[in-house]
Amino acid sequence: MKRGAVVGIAAGAAAALIIGGSLVWWLLNRAPSAEDAARSYLNALAAGDFEAIEAMRATRLDAEAERILAESFRGAESFVADPRIEEIRSAQDTTSVRASAEIAGDRHDIVFVLAEDGAGWTLTGDYLASLEASAVLSATGELIGDSVWVSGALAPAGSDLALLPAEYRLEAAPRGLLSGTNSVALSNDEPSTVVLEASITPEAGTMAQEQIDAYAAACAQPAAAVPADCGLRVPWAADLASLTSVAFRIDKSPALVLSPDLRSFAATDGAVVATATGTTRQGSTGSFTYRADDWALRGSVSFAGDEMLLAVD
């Protein structure tokens, strides 16, 4: 009798062990719930884990919008904090989630929809935030530049940008040539519009002068004719019947000044010496030297992408 009792207890323990093992297997292999998926998305937002979010997205934007979405989020000023699920509503194969999180110190709603496709839960619907950003010149109030920096992404100004909830640093472009920064806390509870006030930086003037110096140096290369679009006037026809070549020496490069509205420039007070060689009216070879102390270059200024462009008239 005593031996049988021992055997019975052992058999019961084995049965309990088998049942417990089945429960562990079921817990490890059951499909995640909509709430699990919602928490995974919110945790990825908080961790700045773009790859995890990317794996949950059901649809894609066009290639340029995808670049902006990824680069801006990876370079975000800060990510959401203390995310909480506030409400979950399920209907057929979709689940609507209303959550909240702190973004840049303030609490914002984050709403999204999850769809069950048989393999798991995916983000669908309007889960992205909307931002329109542009820059105006503080001196005139006029729009300037065709792009803005949204954290790590150069994006078109004045366009509706689709971004993930986060805090983003906005900068006027070209960065370093135009000043003007701000930060925006974005969620998809409402669209955001930001207008940056920009002004020219000292570095921009320096770089513009360097461009003009390089352009002037290219204009002053030896040539068979006086180069066009260089502001150079060589009166060789007063002394030569025909021109064979002309050589230049720059004594002072034109000094550049940008207009207050940053739409044009004037580079003035340059000094250049030109030596023209050719055939004289008597039929011999001759060389004549001319000097100008009012050499000037003028043109337009534009800001495209992350560049400042000077176009000589």
Protein backbone atom coordinates (compact mmCIF):
# COMPACT_ATOMS: atom_id res chain seq x y z
CA MET A 1 0.00 0.00 0.00
CA LYS A 2 2.76 2.38 0.86
CA ARG A 3 4.58 1.64 -2.42
CA GLY A 4 1.41 2.26 -4.46
CA ALA A 5 0.90 5.66 -2.86
CA VAL A 6 4.41 6.68 -3.84
CA VAL A 7 3.83 5.62 -7.45
CA GLY A 8 0.56 7.50 -7.60
CA ILE A 9 2.10 10.74 -6.40
CA ALA A 10 4.90 10.43 -8.97
CA ALA A 11 2.41 9.90 -11.80
CA GLY A 12 0.45 12.95 -10.75
CA ALA A 13 3.60 15.08 -10.75
CA ALA A 14 4.45 13.93 -14.27
CA ALA A 15 0.98 14.84 -15.48
CA ALA A 16 1.25 18.28 -13.90
CA LEU A 17 4.60 18.78 -15.59
CA ILE A 18 3.18 17.90 -19.00
CA ILE A 19 0.24 20.30 -18.58
CA GLY A 20 2.56 23.08 -17.44
CA GLY A 21 4.81 22.58 -20.47
CA SER A 22 1.83 22.90 -22.82
CA LEU A 23 0.81 26.16 -21.17
CA VAL A 24 4.30 27.64 -21.63
CA TRP A 25 4.33 26.61 -25.33
CA TRP A 26 0.93 28.26 -25.88
CA LEU A 27 2.00 31.47 -24.15
CA LEU A 28 5.15 31.69 -26.26
CA ASN A 29 3.47 30.92 -29.56
CA ARG A 30 0.11 32.69 -29.35
CA ALA A 31 -0.43 35.55 -31.78
CA PRO A 32 0.07 39.02 -30.29
CA SER A 33 -3.06 40.92 -29.49
CA ALA A 34 -3.94 44.35 -30.85
CA GLU A 35 -2.98 45.81 -27.48
CA ASP A 36 0.42 44.08 -27.69
CA ALA A 37 0.95 45.55 -31.16
CA ALA A 38 -0.13 49.00 -29.99
CA ARG A 39 2.36 48.89 -27.14
CA SER A 40 5.09 47.72 -29.52
CA TYR A 41 4.46 50.72 -31.78
CA LEU A 42 4.41 53.20 -28.90
CA ASN A 43 7.59 51.71 -27.43
CA ALA A 44 9.30 51.98 -30.82
CA LEU A 45 8.30 55.65 -31.03
CA ALA A 46 9.76 56.24 -27.57
CA ALA A 47 12.98 54.40 -28.43
CA GLY A 48 13.41 56.09 -31.81
CA ASP A 49 13.46 52.64 -33.40
CA PHE A 50 12.57 53.43 -37.00
CA GLU A 51 13.26 49.89 -38.20
CA ALA A 52 10.69 48.44 -35.78
CA ILE A 53 8.11 50.99 -36.92
CA GLU A 54 8.96 50.33 -40.56
CA ALA A 55 8.22 46.63 -40.06
CA MET A 56 4.70 47.49 -38.86
CA ARG A 57 3.77 49.81 -41.74
CA ALA A 58 1.28 48.41 -44.23
CA THR A 59 1.83 50.96 -47.02
CA ARG A 60 4.64 53.19 -48.28
CA LEU A 61 4.86 56.79 -49.47
CA ASP A 62 6.73 57.83 -52.60
CA ALA A 63 10.53 57.53 -52.50
CA GLU A 64 11.20 61.19 -51.60
CA ALA A 65 8.59 61.22 -48.84
CA GLU A 66 10.02 57.96 -47.47
CA ARG A 67 13.50 59.51 -47.34
CA ILE A 68 12.21 62.53 -45.43
CA LEU A 69 10.20 60.34 -43.04
CA ALA A 70 13.21 58.16 -42.18
CA GLU A 71 15.94 60.82 -42.04
CA SER A 72 13.87 63.27 -40.01
CA PHE A 73 12.86 60.67 -37.41
CA ARG A 74 16.37 59.26 -37.04
CA GLY A 75 17.66 62.79 -36.41
CA ALA A 76 14.74 63.92 -34.23
CA GLU A 77 15.41 66.37 -31.42
CA SER A 78 13.67 64.07 -28.97
CA PHE A 79 11.25 61.15 -29.02
CA VAL A 80 7.96 60.61 -27.23
CA ALA A 81 8.06 59.84 -23.51
CA ASP A 82 5.72 58.03 -21.12
CA PRO A 83 3.40 56.62 -23.81
CA ARG A 84 0.02 55.36 -22.54
CA ILE A 85 -2.86 53.58 -24.21
CA GLU A 86 -6.01 55.52 -23.39
CA GLU A 87 -8.64 53.67 -25.42
CA ILE A 88 -8.89 50.67 -27.74
CA ARG A 89 -11.85 49.91 -29.99
CA SER A 90 -12.04 46.83 -32.21
CA ALA A 91 -14.24 46.32 -35.25
CA GLN A 92 -13.87 43.25 -37.46
CA ASP A 93 -10.19 43.07 -38.49
CA THR A 94 -9.15 46.57 -37.40
CA THR A 95 -8.51 48.14 -34.03
CA SER A 96 -8.55 51.90 -33.37
CA VAL A 97 -6.17 53.10 -30.69
CA ARG A 98 -6.11 56.40 -28.87
CA ALA A 99 -2.92 56.85 -26.92
CA SER A 100 -1.06 59.77 -25.39
CA ALA A 101 2.57 60.67 -24.79
CA GLU A 102 4.76 63.56 -23.75
CA ILE A 103 6.43 65.33 -26.67
CA ALA A 104 8.79 68.17 -25.77
CA GLY A 105 7.27 68.33 -22.29
CA ASP A 106 3.60 68.53 -23.29
CA ARG A 107 1.12 65.68 -23.51
CA HIS A 108 -0.32 64.94 -26.96
CA ASP A 109 -2.80 62.44 -28.31
CA ILE A 110 -1.48 59.81 -30.69
CA VAL A 111 -4.15 58.02 -32.68
CA PHE A 112 -3.66 55.12 -35.08
CA VAL A 113 -5.39 52.09 -36.54
CA LEU A 114 -4.08 48.54 -36.53
CA ALA A 115 -5.18 45.96 -39.09
CA GLU A 116 -4.89 42.19 -38.66
CA ASP A 117 -3.76 40.54 -41.90
CA GLY A 118 -3.33 36.96 -40.74
CA ALA A 119 0.40 37.31 -40.19
CA GLY A 120 0.21 40.04 -37.56
CA TRP A 121 -0.88 43.60 -36.90
CA THR A 122 0.08 46.46 -39.19
CA LEU A 123 -0.29 50.24 -39.01
CA THR A 124 -2.86 51.61 -41.40
CA GLY A 125 -4.82 54.81 -41.93
CA ASP A 126 -3.70 58.26 -40.83
CA TYR A 127 -1.04 57.48 -38.22
CA LEU A 128 1.49 60.05 -39.52
CA ALA A 129 1.75 63.66 -38.38
CA SER A 130 1.51 66.58 -40.82
CA LEU A 131 3.95 69.51 -40.98
CA GLU A 132 4.26 72.44 -43.35
CA ALA A 133 7.44 74.47 -42.81
CA SER A 134 8.89 77.43 -44.67
CA ALA A 135 11.21 80.39 -44.09
CA VAL A 136 10.79 84.12 -44.61
CA LEU A 137 13.47 86.77 -44.68
CA SER A 138 13.16 88.69 -41.43
CA ALA A 139 14.08 91.99 -43.14
CA THR A 140 11.29 91.80 -45.74
CA GLY A 141 8.86 89.09 -44.64
CA GLU A 142 9.16 87.45 -48.07
CA LEU A 143 9.57 83.71 -48.54
CA ILE A 144 13.16 82.64 -49.04
CA GLY A 145 14.58 79.32 -50.18
CA ASP A 146 12.80 76.28 -51.54
CA SER A 147 13.81 73.92 -48.73
CA VAL A 148 14.02 73.61 -44.95
CA TRP A 149 15.85 71.21 -42.67
CA VAL A 150 13.61 68.99 -40.55
CA SER A 151 16.11 67.50 -38.11
CA GLY A 152 18.20 65.20 -40.34
CA ALA A 153 16.19 65.66 -43.54
CA LEU A 154 16.33 68.37 -46.18
CA ALA A 155 12.68 68.80 -47.20
CA PRO A 156 10.75 70.99 -49.63
CA ALA A 157 9.44 74.20 -48.06
CA GLY A 158 5.72 74.85 -48.05
CA SER A 159 4.85 71.20 -48.65
CA ASP A 160 2.73 68.88 -46.54
CA LEU A 161 5.32 66.61 -44.91
CA ALA A 162 4.31 63.26 -43.41
CA LEU A 163 6.31 62.59 -40.23
CA LEU A 164 6.20 60.33 -37.20
CA PRO A 165 5.28 61.75 -33.78
CA ALA A 166 8.41 63.31 -32.23
CA GLU A 167 10.07 66.66 -31.57
CA TYR A 168 11.89 68.06 -34.62
CA ARG A 169 14.42 70.85 -35.03
CA LEU A 170 13.66 73.11 -37.99
CA GLU A 171 16.34 75.16 -39.75
CA ALA A 172 16.30 77.47 -42.73
CA ALA A 173 18.24 76.19 -45.74
CA PRO A 174 21.00 76.51 -46.76
CA ARG A 175 22.07 75.57 -43.26
CA GLY A 176 24.95 77.79 -42.11
CA LEU A 177 24.22 80.43 -44.75
CA LEU A 178 20.75 81.39 -43.53
CA SER A 179 20.01 81.62 -39.83
CA GLY A 180 16.60 80.77 -38.41
CA THR A 181 15.72 77.81 -36.22
CA ASN A 182 12.78 76.51 -34.22
CA SER A 183 11.54 73.27 -32.70
CA VAL A 184 8.14 71.69 -33.17
CA ALA A 185 6.42 68.94 -31.19
CA LEU A 186 4.50 66.85 -33.71
CA SER A 187 1.71 64.36 -33.28
CA ASN A 188 -1.15 63.42 -35.56
CA ASP A 189 -3.77 65.00 -33.33
CA GLU A 190 -3.59 68.15 -35.48
CA PRO A 191 -1.46 69.46 -38.39
CA SER A 192 1.32 71.97 -37.71
CA THR A 193 2.52 74.96 -39.71
CA VAL A 194 5.82 76.68 -38.86
CA VAL A 195 7.32 79.76 -40.51
CA LEU A 196 10.96 80.40 -39.69
CA GLU A 197 12.37 83.92 -39.62
CA ALA A 198 15.68 83.80 -41.47
CA SER A 199 18.55 86.19 -42.02
CA ILE A 200 21.86 86.00 -43.84
CA THR A 201 24.89 84.84 -41.86
CA PRO A 202 28.40 86.34 -42.04
CA GLU A 203 29.57 83.01 -43.46
CA ALA A 204 27.26 83.49 -46.45
CA GLY A 205 28.93 86.77 -47.39
CA THR A 206 32.34 85.16 -47.11
CA MET A 207 31.35 82.21 -49.27
CA ALA A 208 29.68 84.46 -51.84
CA GLN A 209 32.88 86.50 -52.12
CA GLU A 210 34.86 83.29 -52.61
CA GLN A 211 32.51 82.31 -55.44
CA ILE A 212 32.97 85.69 -57.11
CA ASP A 213 36.75 85.48 -56.70
CA ALA A 214 36.73 82.07 -58.38
CA TYR A 215 34.48 83.35 -61.16
CA ALA A 216 36.71 86.39 -61.69
CA ALA A 217 39.79 84.16 -61.84
CA ALA A 218 38.11 82.03 -64.54
CA CYS A 219 37.25 85.19 -66.47
CA ALA A 220 40.88 86.28 -66.35
CA GLN A 221 42.33 83.21 -68.05
CA PRO A 222 44.19 83.84 -71.34
CA ALA A 223 41.78 83.68 -74.27
CA ALA A 224 41.46 84.32 -77.98
CA ALA A 225 38.65 86.81 -77.33
CA VAL A 226 37.35 88.95 -74.51
CA PRO A 227 35.16 86.57 -72.45
CA ALA A 228 31.44 87.25 -72.25
CA ASP A 229 29.50 87.67 -68.99
CA CYS A 230 32.62 88.82 -67.18
CA GLY A 231 32.15 92.58 -67.04
CA LEU A 232 35.39 93.04 -68.97
CA ARG A 233 35.71 95.77 -71.60
CA VAL A 234 38.99 95.78 -73.55
CA PRO A 235 39.13 98.54 -76.22
CA TRP A 236 41.61 96.63 -78.39
CA ALA A 237 39.88 97.78 -81.62
CA ALA A 238 41.31 101.27 -81.05
CA ASP A 239 44.81 99.93 -81.63
CA LEU A 240 44.49 96.59 -83.45
CA ALA A 241 42.88 95.53 -86.70
CA SER A 242 42.35 92.02 -85.35
CA LEU A 243 42.78 90.30 -82.01
CA THR A 244 44.87 87.16 -81.62
CA SER A 245 44.84 86.77 -77.83
CA VAL A 246 44.19 88.63 -74.62
CA ALA A 247 45.79 88.08 -71.21
CA PHE A 248 44.62 89.48 -67.87
CA ARG A 249 46.11 90.32 -64.51
CA ILE A 250 43.79 90.88 -61.55
CA ASP A 251 45.12 93.55 -59.22
CA LYS A 252 41.96 93.58 -57.07
CA SER A 253 38.98 91.29 -57.24
CA PRO A 254 35.55 92.97 -57.23
CA ALA A 255 34.13 93.27 -53.71
CA LEU A 256 30.69 91.68 -53.34
CA VAL A 257 27.68 93.12 -51.52
CA LEU A 258 24.37 91.23 -51.28
CA SER A 259 21.16 93.23 -51.64
CA PRO A 260 18.98 93.58 -48.51
CA ASP A 261 16.31 91.32 -50.04
CA LEU A 262 18.97 88.71 -50.97
CA ARG A 263 17.75 88.61 -54.55
CA SER A 264 20.76 90.23 -56.22
CA PHE A 265 24.41 91.11 -55.71
CA ALA A 266 26.88 93.72 -56.91
CA ALA A 267 30.61 93.10 -56.92
CA THR A 268 32.37 96.38 -57.66
CA ASP A 269 35.64 98.33 -57.51
CA GLY A 270 37.76 95.60 -59.03
CA ALA A 271 41.02 96.41 -60.78
CA VAL A 272 42.18 94.43 -63.82
CA VAL A 273 44.89 94.84 -66.46
CA ALA A 274 44.41 93.40 -69.96
CA THR A 275 47.11 92.88 -72.59
CA ALA A 276 45.76 92.45 -76.09
CA THR A 277 47.91 90.98 -78.87
CA GLY A 278 47.02 91.02 -82.53
CA THR A 279 47.64 92.56 -85.91
CA THR A 280 47.91 96.32 -86.19
CA ARG A 281 46.45 98.34 -89.03
CA GLN A 282 49.94 98.50 -90.48
CA GLY A 283 50.02 94.70 -90.67
CA SER A 284 52.53 94.06 -87.93
CA THR A 285 52.09 92.19 -84.65
CA GLY A 286 51.46 94.43 -81.70
CA SER A 287 50.54 94.27 -78.02
CA PHE A 288 48.67 96.92 -76.06
CA THR A 289 47.86 97.12 -72.37
CA TYR A 290 44.68 98.54 -70.83
CA ARG A 291 43.73 99.03 -67.19
CA ALA A 292 40.29 99.27 -65.57
CA ASP A 293 39.78 100.31 -61.95
CA ASP A 294 35.99 99.96 -62.08
CA TRP A 295 35.65 96.26 -62.87
CA ALA A 296 32.23 95.07 -61.70
CA LEU A 297 30.14 91.91 -61.75
CA ARG A 298 26.40 91.96 -61.07
CA GLY A 299 23.70 89.33 -60.98
CA SER A 300 21.00 87.47 -59.11
CA VAL A 301 20.98 85.40 -55.92
CA SER A 302 18.87 82.32 -55.29
CA PHE A 303 18.67 79.63 -52.62
CA ALA A 304 18.03 76.13 -53.91
CA GLY A 305 18.17 73.06 -51.70
CA ASP A 306 21.14 73.52 -49.40
CA GLU A 307 23.02 75.89 -51.72
CA MET A 308 23.23 79.61 -52.41
CA LEU A 309 23.59 80.28 -56.13
CA LEU A 310 24.98 83.42 -57.77
CA ALA A 311 24.14 84.02 -61.43
CA VAL A 312 26.14 86.73 -63.21
CA ASP A 313 24.09 88.87 -65.59
